[in-house]
């Protein structure tokens, strides 16, 4: 019951701004299809939040990378570790 009350309270305090956008007909169809059972506005909101968060994370990563300024050797070592780690993980998922 407490969880339900938190959800209800969240809905009450969330500020919503209605905007109108125009998209090509084909894109509108793709959006509706991608949204599936979700209301289109909820799907678009979720998708835009994800994209904006990814962009913010990418900007933070680029700033960190500039500050650290890794050597070519460091980059090669990190790339090798990444390839080894992701290769092993993908094998488990394909069985």
Protein backbone atom coordinates (compact mmCIF):
# COMPACT_ATOMS: atom_id res chain seq x y z
CA UNK A 1 0.00 0.00 0.00
CA UNK A 2 2.86 2.40 0.76
CA UNK A 3 4.27 1.88 -2.73
CA UNK A 4 0.90 2.71 -4.23
CA UNK A 5 0.73 5.95 -2.25
CA UNK A 6 4.20 6.95 -3.45
CA UNK A 7 3.12 6.37 -7.04
CA UNK A 8 -0.01 8.42 -6.54
CA UNK A 9 1.93 11.23 -4.87
CA UNK A 10 4.48 11.24 -7.67
CA UNK A 11 1.74 11.66 -10.24
CA UNK A 12 0.26 14.56 -8.29
CA UNK A 13 3.50 16.54 -8.13
CA UNK A 14 4.88 15.79 -11.59
CA UNK A 15 4.74 18.86 -13.78
CA UNK A 16 3.69 18.17 -17.34
CA UNK A 17 4.13 20.51 -20.29
CA UNK A 18 2.20 19.69 -23.42
CA UNK A 19 4.04 20.25 -26.69
CA UNK A 20 3.09 19.55 -30.26
CA UNK A 21 5.55 18.21 -32.80
CA UNK A 22 5.15 17.39 -36.46
CA UNK A 23 6.78 14.33 -37.94
CA UNK A 24 6.59 12.73 -41.37
CA UNK A 25 3.75 10.25 -41.78
CA UNK A 26 6.07 7.27 -42.11
CA UNK A 27 7.87 8.21 -38.89
CA UNK A 28 4.56 8.63 -37.07
CA UNK A 29 3.65 5.09 -38.08
CA UNK A 30 7.00 3.78 -36.83
CA UNK A 31 6.54 5.60 -33.52
CA UNK A 32 3.06 4.16 -33.01
CA UNK A 33 4.33 0.69 -33.86
CA UNK A 34 7.32 1.01 -31.53
CA UNK A 35 5.12 2.27 -28.70
CA UNK A 36 3.02 -0.89 -28.88
CA UNK A 37 0.58 -0.98 -25.98
CA UNK A 38 2.07 2.13 -24.34
CA UNK A 39 0.49 5.49 -24.99
CA UNK A 40 2.59 7.24 -27.64
CA UNK A 41 3.34 10.19 -25.33
CA UNK A 42 4.68 7.83 -22.64
CA UNK A 43 6.86 6.01 -25.18
CA UNK A 44 8.20 9.26 -26.65
CA UNK A 45 8.92 10.62 -23.15
CA UNK A 46 10.80 7.47 -22.15
CA UNK A 47 12.74 7.39 -25.42
CA UNK A 48 13.71 11.05 -25.22
CA UNK A 49 14.78 10.71 -21.57
CA UNK A 50 16.99 7.75 -22.48
CA UNK A 51 18.53 9.65 -25.39
CA UNK A 52 19.16 12.77 -23.34
CA UNK A 53 20.70 10.73 -20.51
CA UNK A 54 22.96 8.93 -22.99
CA UNK A 55 24.05 12.25 -24.50
CA UNK A 56 24.79 13.66 -21.04
CA UNK A 57 26.79 10.55 -20.13
CA UNK A 58 28.72 10.77 -23.42
CA UNK A 59 29.60 14.44 -22.73
CA UNK A 60 30.78 13.52 -19.22
CA UNK A 61 32.84 10.62 -20.62
CA UNK A 62 34.48 12.86 -23.23
CA UNK A 63 35.34 15.45 -20.56
CA UNK A 64 36.81 12.73 -18.33
CA UNK A 65 38.78 11.27 -21.26
CA UNK A 66 40.22 14.71 -22.07
CA UNK A 67 41.20 15.23 -18.42
CA UNK A 68 42.83 11.80 -18.07
CA UNK A 69 44.48 11.88 -21.49
CA UNK A 70 45.34 8.16 -21.67
CA UNK A 71 48.37 7.04 -23.67
CA UNK A 72 48.01 4.84 -26.74
CA UNK A 73 49.27 1.92 -24.65
CA UNK A 74 46.56 2.54 -22.03
CA UNK A 75 43.90 2.65 -24.72
CA UNK A 76 45.19 -0.58 -26.30
CA UNK A 77 45.20 -2.35 -22.92
CA UNK A 78 41.68 -1.17 -22.15
CA UNK A 79 40.44 -2.21 -25.61
CA UNK A 80 41.98 -5.66 -25.14
CA UNK A 81 40.32 -6.10 -21.75
CA UNK A 82 36.99 -4.95 -23.15
CA UNK A 83 37.18 -7.39 -26.07
CA UNK A 84 38.09 -10.29 -23.78
CA UNK A 85 35.34 -9.49 -21.31
CA UNK A 86 32.60 -8.92 -23.87
CA UNK A 87 33.59 -11.93 -25.99
CA UNK A 88 33.24 -14.26 -23.03
CA UNK A 89 29.90 -12.74 -22.03
CA UNK A 90 28.45 -13.09 -25.51
CA UNK A 91 29.35 -16.78 -25.69
CA UNK A 92 27.30 -17.50 -22.58
CA UNK A 93 24.26 -15.81 -24.07
CA UNK A 94 24.31 -17.82 -27.31
CA UNK A 95 24.17 -21.32 -25.85
